[in-house]
Amino acid sequence: MPGVGPGCHELRIVDANVTWRIMYHMAFDAVVILDVFAKKTAATPNAVMTACRQRLAEFQQAVRTKKKGGSHAKR
């Protein structure tokens, strides 16, 4: 899903009455689930795309903070 960010993908699961979508990001050491929703239209809803972008940004910020030692690291 390049519309969300690099390393982001969409998994489709067809159930009896609904098609589920799982939006996820493949990180070096993690699979980050960004959203799970029932898809009812051809296009992914803008609200889902916005939420996924925000969650990805929050994850990436947390990774950067951790790499820098976080706010609790001793110097």
PDB file of N, CA and C in Angstrom:
ATOM      1  N   MET A   1       0.837  -1.187   0.000  1.00  0.00           N
ATOM      2  CA  MET A   1       0.000   0.000   0.000  1.00  0.00           C
ATOM      3  C   MET A   1       0.880   1.247   0.000  1.00  0.00           C
ATOM      4  N   PRO A   2       1.365   1.634  -1.151  1.00  0.00           N
ATOM      5  CA  PRO A   2       2.211   2.819  -1.211  1.00  0.00           C
ATOM      6  C   PRO A   2       1.492   4.092  -0.758  1.00  0.00           C
ATOM      7  N   GLY A   3       0.166   4.080  -0.779  1.00  0.00           N
ATOM      8  CA  GLY A   3      -0.584   5.238  -0.314  1.00  0.00           C
ATOM      9  C   GLY A   3      -0.480   5.456   1.182  1.00  0.00           C
ATOM     10  N   VAL A   4      -0.074   4.415   1.917  1.00  0.00           N
ATOM     11  CA  VAL A   4       0.118   4.532   3.364  1.00  0.00           C
ATOM     12  C   VAL A   4       1.578   4.848   3.658  1.00  0.00           C
ATOM     13  N   GLY A   5       2.473   4.059   3.069  1.00  0.00           N
ATOM     14  CA  GLY A   5       3.895   4.283   3.290  1.00  0.00           C
ATOM     15  C   GLY A   5       4.701   3.097   2.823  1.00  0.00           C
ATOM     16  N   PRO A   6       6.024   3.242   2.794  1.00  0.00           N
ATOM     17  CA  PRO A   6       6.873   2.129   2.356  1.00  0.00           C
ATOM     18  C   PRO A   6       6.778   0.948   3.322  1.00  0.00           C
ATOM     19  N   GLY A   7       6.771  -0.244   2.777  1.00  0.00           N
ATOM     20  CA  GLY A   7       6.690  -1.445   3.609  1.00  0.00           C
ATOM     21  C   GLY A   7       5.290  -1.765   4.087  1.00  0.00           C
ATOM     22  N   CYS A   8       4.290  -1.062   3.569  1.00  0.00           N
ATOM     23  CA  CYS A   8       2.904  -1.294   3.986  1.00  0.00           C
ATOM     24  C   CYS A   8       2.189  -2.154   2.952  1.00  0.00           C
ATOM     25  N   HIS A   9       1.335  -3.037   3.460  1.00  0.00           N
ATOM     26  CA  HIS A   9       0.636  -3.992   2.606  1.00  0.00           C
ATOM     27  C   HIS A   9      -0.800  -4.163   3.080  1.00  0.00           C
ATOM     28  N   GLU A  10      -1.595  -4.800   2.220  1.00  0.00           N
ATOM     29  CA  GLU A  10      -2.993  -5.088   2.548  1.00  0.00           C
ATOM     30  C   GLU A  10      -3.219  -6.585   2.339  1.00  0.00           C
ATOM     31  N   LEU A  11      -3.741  -7.238   3.351  1.00  0.00           N
ATOM     32  CA  LEU A  11      -4.091  -8.652   3.274  1.00  0.00           C
ATOM     33  C   LEU A  11      -5.605  -8.742   3.165  1.00  0.00           C
ATOM     34  N   ARG A  12      -6.080  -9.521   2.208  1.00  0.00           N
ATOM     35  CA  ARG A  12      -7.524  -9.678   2.006  1.00  0.00           C
ATOM     36  C   ARG A  12      -7.960 -11.057   2.488  1.00  0.00           C
ATOM     37  N   ILE A  13      -9.002 -11.090   3.278  1.00  0.00           N
ATOM     38  CA  ILE A  13      -9.547 -12.348   3.789  1.00  0.00           C
ATOM     39  C   ILE A  13     -11.025 -12.381   3.422  1.00  0.00           C
ATOM     40  N   VAL A  14     -11.390 -13.343   2.601  1.00  0.00           N
ATOM     41  CA  VAL A  14     -12.783 -13.469   2.165  1.00  0.00           C
ATOM     42  C   VAL A  14     -13.488 -14.420   3.111  1.00  0.00           C
ATOM     43  N   ASP A  15     -14.482 -13.902   3.816  1.00  0.00           N
ATOM     44  CA  ASP A  15     -15.303 -14.679   4.738  1.00  0.00           C
ATOM     45  C   ASP A  15     -16.629 -14.959   4.033  1.00  0.00           C
ATOM     46  N   ALA A  16     -17.510 -15.660   4.677  1.00  0.00           N
ATOM     47  CA  ALA A  16     -18.782 -16.040   4.058  1.00  0.00           C
ATOM     48  C   ALA A  16     -19.587 -14.819   3.590  1.00  0.00           C
ATOM     49  N   ASN A  17     -19.662 -13.798   4.432  1.00  0.00           N
ATOM     50  CA  ASN A  17     -20.527 -12.653   4.123  1.00  0.00           C
ATOM     51  C   ASN A  17     -19.802 -11.327   3.964  1.00  0.00           C
ATOM     52  N   VAL A  18     -18.500 -11.318   4.189  1.00  0.00           N
ATOM     53  CA  VAL A  18     -17.762 -10.049   4.173  1.00  0.00           C
ATOM     54  C   VAL A  18     -16.307 -10.304   3.767  1.00  0.00           C
ATOM     55  N   THR A  19     -15.701  -9.296   3.169  1.00  0.00           N
ATOM     56  CA  THR A  19     -14.278  -9.352   2.862  1.00  0.00           C
ATOM     57  C   THR A  19     -13.548  -8.455   3.855  1.00  0.00           C
ATOM     58  N   TRP A  20     -12.635  -9.050   4.624  1.00  0.00           N
ATOM     59  CA  TRP A  20     -11.869  -8.318   5.626  1.00  0.00           C
ATOM     60  C   TRP A  20     -10.563  -7.859   5.021  1.00  0.00           C
ATOM     61  N   ARG A  21     -10.083  -6.725   5.463  1.00  0.00           N
ATOM     62  CA  ARG A  21      -8.784  -6.208   5.046  1.00  0.00           C
ATOM     63  C   ARG A  21      -7.940  -5.944   6.287  1.00  0.00           C
ATOM     64  N   ILE A  22      -6.710  -6.349   6.215  1.00  0.00           N
ATOM     65  CA  ILE A  22      -5.750  -6.061   7.275  1.00  0.00           C
ATOM     66  C   ILE A  22      -4.654  -5.210   6.650  1.00  0.00           C
ATOM     67  N   MET A  23      -4.506  -4.011   7.152  1.00  0.00           N
ATOM     68  CA  MET A  23      -3.443  -3.126   6.701  1.00  0.00           C
ATOM     69  C   MET A  23      -2.287  -3.307   7.677  1.00  0.00           C
ATOM     70  N   TYR A  24      -1.087  -3.595   7.136  1.00  0.00           N
ATOM     71  CA  TYR A  24       0.049  -3.835   8.022  1.00  0.00           C
ATOM     72  C   TYR A  24       1.333  -3.270   7.436  1.00  0.00           C
ATOM     73  N   HIS A  25       2.316  -3.103   8.312  1.00  0.00           N
ATOM     74  CA  HIS A  25       3.639  -2.601   7.938  1.00  0.00           C
ATOM     75  C   HIS A  25       4.671  -3.642   8.340  1.00  0.00           C
ATOM     76  N   MET A  26       5.579  -3.945   7.417  1.00  0.00           N
ATOM     77  CA  MET A  26       6.663  -4.887   7.693  1.00  0.00           C
ATOM     78  C   MET A  26       7.889  -4.087   8.122  1.00  0.00           C
ATOM     79  N   ALA A  27       8.211  -4.163   9.397  1.00  0.00           N
ATOM     80  CA  ALA A  27       9.408  -3.515   9.923  1.00  0.00           C
ATOM     81  C   ALA A  27      10.520  -4.563  10.017  1.00  0.00           C
ATOM     82  N   PHE A  28      11.714  -4.131  10.365  1.00  0.00           N
ATOM     83  CA  PHE A  28      12.852  -5.033  10.459  1.00  0.00           C
ATOM     84  C   PHE A  28      12.586  -6.178  11.436  1.00  0.00           C
ATOM     85  N   ASP A  29      12.020  -5.857  12.578  1.00  0.00           N
ATOM     86  CA  ASP A  29      11.827  -6.860  13.621  1.00  0.00           C
ATOM     87  C   ASP A  29      10.381  -6.968  14.106  1.00  0.00           C
ATOM     88  N   ALA A  30       9.430  -6.485  13.293  1.00  0.00           N
ATOM     89  CA  ALA A  30       8.035  -6.501  13.728  1.00  0.00           C
ATOM     90  C   ALA A  30       7.096  -6.437  12.529  1.00  0.00           C
ATOM     91  N   VAL A  31       5.904  -6.952  12.739  1.00  0.00           N
ATOM     92  CA  VAL A  31       4.794  -6.740  11.812  1.00  0.00           C
ATOM     93  C   VAL A  31       3.805  -5.871  12.578  1.00  0.00           C
ATOM     94  N   VAL A  32       3.560  -4.679  12.066  1.00  0.00           N
ATOM     95  CA  VAL A  32       2.712  -3.709  12.757  1.00  0.00           C
ATOM     96  C   VAL A  32       1.342  -3.697  12.086  1.00  0.00           C
ATOM     97  N   ILE A  33       0.314  -4.109  12.820  1.00  0.00           N
ATOM     98  CA  ILE A  33      -1.053  -4.086  12.305  1.00  0.00           C
ATOM     99  C   ILE A  33      -1.562  -2.651  12.423  1.00  0.00           C
ATOM    100  N   LEU A  34      -1.854  -2.052  11.281  1.00  0.00           N
ATOM    101  CA  LEU A  34      -2.298  -0.659  11.265  1.00  0.00           C
ATOM    102  C   LEU A  34      -3.809  -0.526  11.363  1.00  0.00           C
ATOM    103  N   ASP A  35      -4.553  -1.487  10.783  1.00  0.00           N
ATOM    104  CA  ASP A  35      -6.015  -1.445  10.846  1.00  0.00           C
ATOM    105  C   ASP A  35      -6.581  -2.755  10.324  1.00  0.00           C
ATOM    106  N   VAL A  36      -7.745  -3.102  10.794  1.00  0.00           N
ATOM    107  CA  VAL A  36      -8.520  -4.247  10.309  1.00  0.00           C
ATOM    108  C   VAL A  36      -9.934  -3.733  10.092  1.00  0.00           C
ATOM    109  N   PHE A  37     -10.469  -3.963   8.889  1.00  0.00           N
ATOM    110  CA  PHE A  37     -11.798  -3.446   8.609  1.00  0.00           C
ATOM    111  C   PHE A  37     -12.478  -4.295   7.551  1.00  0.00           C
ATOM    112  N   ALA A  38     -13.791  -4.200   7.506  1.00  0.00           N
ATOM    113  CA  ALA A  38     -14.578  -4.878   6.471  1.00  0.00           C
ATOM    114  C   ALA A  38     -14.664  -3.939   5.283  1.00  0.00           C
ATOM    115  N   LYS A  39     -14.207  -4.399   4.143  1.00  0.00           N
ATOM    116  CA  LYS A  39     -14.215  -3.556   2.951  1.00  0.00           C
ATOM    117  C   LYS A  39     -15.511  -3.775   2.196  1.00  0.00           C
ATOM    118  N   LYS A  40     -16.205  -2.676   1.937  1.00  0.00           N
ATOM    119  CA  LYS A  40     -17.513  -2.756   1.292  1.00  0.00           C
ATOM    120  C   LYS A  40     -17.536  -2.065  -0.067  1.00  0.00           C
ATOM    121  N   THR A  41     -16.481  -1.310  -0.365  1.00  0.00           N
ATOM    122  CA  THR A  41     -16.422  -0.592  -1.636  1.00  0.00           C
ATOM    123  C   THR A  41     -15.098  -0.900  -2.329  1.00  0.00           C
ATOM    124  N   ALA A  42     -14.973  -0.477  -3.578  1.00  0.00           N
ATOM    125  CA  ALA A  42     -13.748  -0.733  -4.335  1.00  0.00           C
ATOM    126  C   ALA A  42     -12.557   0.049  -3.777  1.00  0.00           C
ATOM    127  N   ALA A  43     -12.796   1.260  -3.334  1.00  0.00           N
ATOM    128  CA  ALA A  43     -11.717   2.100  -2.810  1.00  0.00           C
ATOM    129  C   ALA A  43     -11.613   1.963  -1.297  1.00  0.00           C
ATOM    130  N   THR A  44     -10.392   2.056  -0.799  1.00  0.00           N
ATOM    131  CA  THR A  44     -10.190   2.059   0.652  1.00  0.00           C
ATOM    132  C   THR A  44     -10.650   3.415   1.183  1.00  0.00           C
ATOM    133  N   PRO A  45     -11.483   3.430   2.228  1.00  0.00           N
ATOM    134  CA  PRO A  45     -11.997   4.700   2.762  1.00  0.00           C
ATOM    135  C   PRO A  45     -10.871   5.642   3.194  1.00  0.00           C
ATOM    136  N   ASN A  46     -11.062   6.925   2.943  1.00  0.00           N
ATOM    137  CA  ASN A  46     -10.061   7.931   3.325  1.00  0.00           C
ATOM    138  C   ASN A  46      -9.766   7.905   4.817  1.00  0.00           C
ATOM    139  N   ALA A  47     -10.763   7.676   5.636  1.00  0.00           N
ATOM    140  CA  ALA A  47     -10.557   7.640   7.086  1.00  0.00           C
ATOM    141  C   ALA A  47      -9.607   6.503   7.472  1.00  0.00           C
ATOM    142  N   VAL A  48      -9.707   5.377   6.799  1.00  0.00           N
ATOM    143  CA  VAL A  48      -8.810   4.242   7.068  1.00  0.00           C
ATOM    144  C   VAL A  48      -7.391   4.604   6.650  1.00  0.00           C
ATOM    145  N   MET A  49      -7.237   5.184   5.467  1.00  0.00           N
ATOM    146  CA  MET A  49      -5.905   5.568   4.986  1.00  0.00           C
ATOM    147  C   MET A  49      -5.256   6.582   5.930  1.00  0.00           C
ATOM    148  N   THR A  50      -6.030   7.559   6.375  1.00  0.00           N
ATOM    149  CA  THR A  50      -5.512   8.575   7.298  1.00  0.00           C
ATOM    150  C   THR A  50      -5.088   7.951   8.618  1.00  0.00           C
ATOM    151  N   ALA A  51      -5.925   7.071   9.160  1.00  0.00           N
ATOM    152  CA  ALA A  51      -5.603   6.411  10.429  1.00  0.00           C
ATOM    153  C   ALA A  51      -4.346   5.548  10.290  1.00  0.00           C
ATOM    154  N   CYS A  52      -4.214   4.848   9.173  1.00  0.00           N
ATOM    155  CA  CYS A  52      -3.037   3.999   8.950  1.00  0.00           C
ATOM    156  C   CYS A  52      -1.769   4.844   8.851  1.00  0.00           C
ATOM    157  N   ARG A  53      -1.826   5.952   8.150  1.00  0.00           N
ATOM    158  CA  ARG A  53      -0.667   6.840   8.047  1.00  0.00           C
ATOM    159  C   ARG A  53      -0.262   7.361   9.426  1.00  0.00           C
ATOM    160  N   GLN A  54      -1.245   7.741  10.226  1.00  0.00           N
ATOM    161  CA  GLN A  54      -0.972   8.261  11.567  1.00  0.00           C
ATOM    162  C   GLN A  54      -0.358   7.174  12.448  1.00  0.00           C
ATOM    163  N   ARG A  55      -0.902   5.988  12.409  1.00  0.00           N
ATOM    164  CA  ARG A  55      -0.366   4.889  13.225  1.00  0.00           C
ATOM    165  C   ARG A  55       1.040   4.515  12.788  1.00  0.00           C
ATOM    166  N   LEU A  56       1.292   4.531  11.477  1.00  0.00           N
ATOM    167  CA  LEU A  56       2.634   4.247  10.979  1.00  0.00           C
ATOM    168  C   LEU A  56       3.608   5.321  11.465  1.00  0.00           C
ATOM    169  N   ALA A  57       3.222   6.570  11.391  1.00  0.00           N
ATOM    170  CA  ALA A  57       4.079   7.665  11.861  1.00  0.00           C
ATOM    171  C   ALA A  57       4.375   7.530  13.357  1.00  0.00           C
ATOM    172  N   GLU A  58       3.378   7.147  14.147  1.00  0.00           N
ATOM    173  CA  GLU A  58       3.576   6.957  15.583  1.00  0.00           C
ATOM    174  C   GLU A  58       4.541   5.811  15.851  1.00  0.00           C
ATOM    175  N   PHE A  59       4.409   4.717  15.100  1.00  0.00           N
ATOM    176  CA  PHE A  59       5.321   3.585  15.255  1.00  0.00           C
ATOM    177  C   PHE A  59       6.747   4.005  14.901  1.00  0.00           C
ATOM    178  N   GLN A  60       6.909   4.686  13.776  1.00  0.00           N
ATOM    179  CA  GLN A  60       8.234   5.108  13.342  1.00  0.00           C
ATOM    180  C   GLN A  60       8.859   6.076  14.335  1.00  0.00           C
ATOM    181  N   GLN A  61       8.059   6.956  14.915  1.00  0.00           N
ATOM    182  CA  GLN A  61       8.566   7.877  15.941  1.00  0.00           C
ATOM    183  C   GLN A  61       9.011   7.106  17.179  1.00  0.00           C
ATOM    184  N   ALA A  62       8.252   6.106  17.585  1.00  0.00           N
ATOM    185  CA  ALA A  62       8.618   5.287  18.741  1.00  0.00           C
ATOM    186  C   ALA A  62       9.933   4.551  18.487  1.00  0.00           C
ATOM    187  N   VAL A  63      10.137   4.065  17.276  1.00  0.00           N
ATOM    188  CA  VAL A  63      11.377   3.373  16.927  1.00  0.00           C
ATOM    189  C   VAL A  63      12.551   4.349  16.984  1.00  0.00           C
ATOM    190  N   ARG A  64      12.365   5.552  16.431  1.00  0.00           N
ATOM    191  CA  ARG A  64      13.442   6.555  16.465  1.00  0.00           C
ATOM    192  C   ARG A  64      13.796   6.925  17.904  1.00  0.00           C
ATOM    193  N   THR A  65      12.777   7.090  18.740  1.00  0.00           N
ATOM    194  CA  THR A  65      12.994   7.444  20.139  1.00  0.00           C
ATOM    195  C   THR A  65      13.754   6.331  20.853  1.00  0.00           C
ATOM    196  N   LYS A  66      13.384   5.088  20.578  1.00  0.00           N
ATOM    197  CA  LYS A  66      14.044   3.952  21.209  1.00  0.00           C
ATOM    198  C   LYS A  66      15.511   3.875  20.785  1.00  0.00           C
ATOM    199  N   LYS A  67      15.775   4.117  19.493  1.00  0.00           N
ATOM    200  CA  LYS A  67      17.157   4.075  19.001  1.00  0.00           C
ATOM    201  C   LYS A  67      18.021   5.160  19.637  1.00  0.00           C
ATOM    202  N   LYS A  68      17.425   6.287  19.965  1.00  0.00           N
ATOM    203  CA  LYS A  68      18.166   7.388  20.589  1.00  0.00           C
ATOM    204  C   LYS A  68      18.341   7.182  22.080  1.00  0.00           C
ATOM    205  N   GLY A  69      17.777   6.126  22.610  1.00  0.00           N
ATOM    206  CA  GLY A  69      17.905   5.866  24.038  1.00  0.00           C
ATOM    207  C   GLY A  69      16.686   6.201  24.847  1.00  0.00           C
ATOM    208  N   GLY A  70      15.682   6.760  24.211  1.00  0.00           N
ATOM    209  CA  GLY A  70      14.430   7.072  24.907  1.00  0.00           C
ATOM    210  C   GLY A  70      14.619   8.180  25.923  1.00  0.00           C
ATOM    211  N   SER A  71      13.545   8.559  26.542  1.00  0.00           N
ATOM    212  CA  SER A  71      13.606   9.644  27.516  1.00  0.00           C
ATOM    213  C   SER A  71      14.070   9.157  28.882  1.00  0.00           C
ATOM    214  N   HIS A  72      14.178   7.845  29.079  1.00  0.00           N
ATOM    215  CA  HIS A  72      14.563   7.302  30.379  1.00  0.00           C
ATOM    216  C   HIS A  72      15.997   6.773  30.376  1.00  0.00           C
ATOM    217  N   ALA A  73      16.721   6.956  29.300  1.00  0.00           N
ATOM    218  CA  ALA A  73      18.069   6.417  29.208  1.00  0.00           C
ATOM    219  C   ALA A  73      19.032   7.229  30.072  1.00  0.00           C
ATOM    220  N   LYS A  74      19.961   6.530  30.701  1.00  0.00           N
ATOM    221  CA  LYS A  74      21.003   7.196  31.486  1.00  0.00           C
ATOM    222  C   LYS A  74      22.103   7.621  30.548  1.00  0.00           C
ATOM    223  N   ARG A  75      22.672   8.768  30.820  1.00  0.00           N
ATOM    224  CA  ARG A  75      23.767   9.293  29.974  1.00  0.00           C
ATOM    225  C   ARG A  75      25.045   9.322  30.757  1.00  0.00           C
TER     226      ARG A  75
END
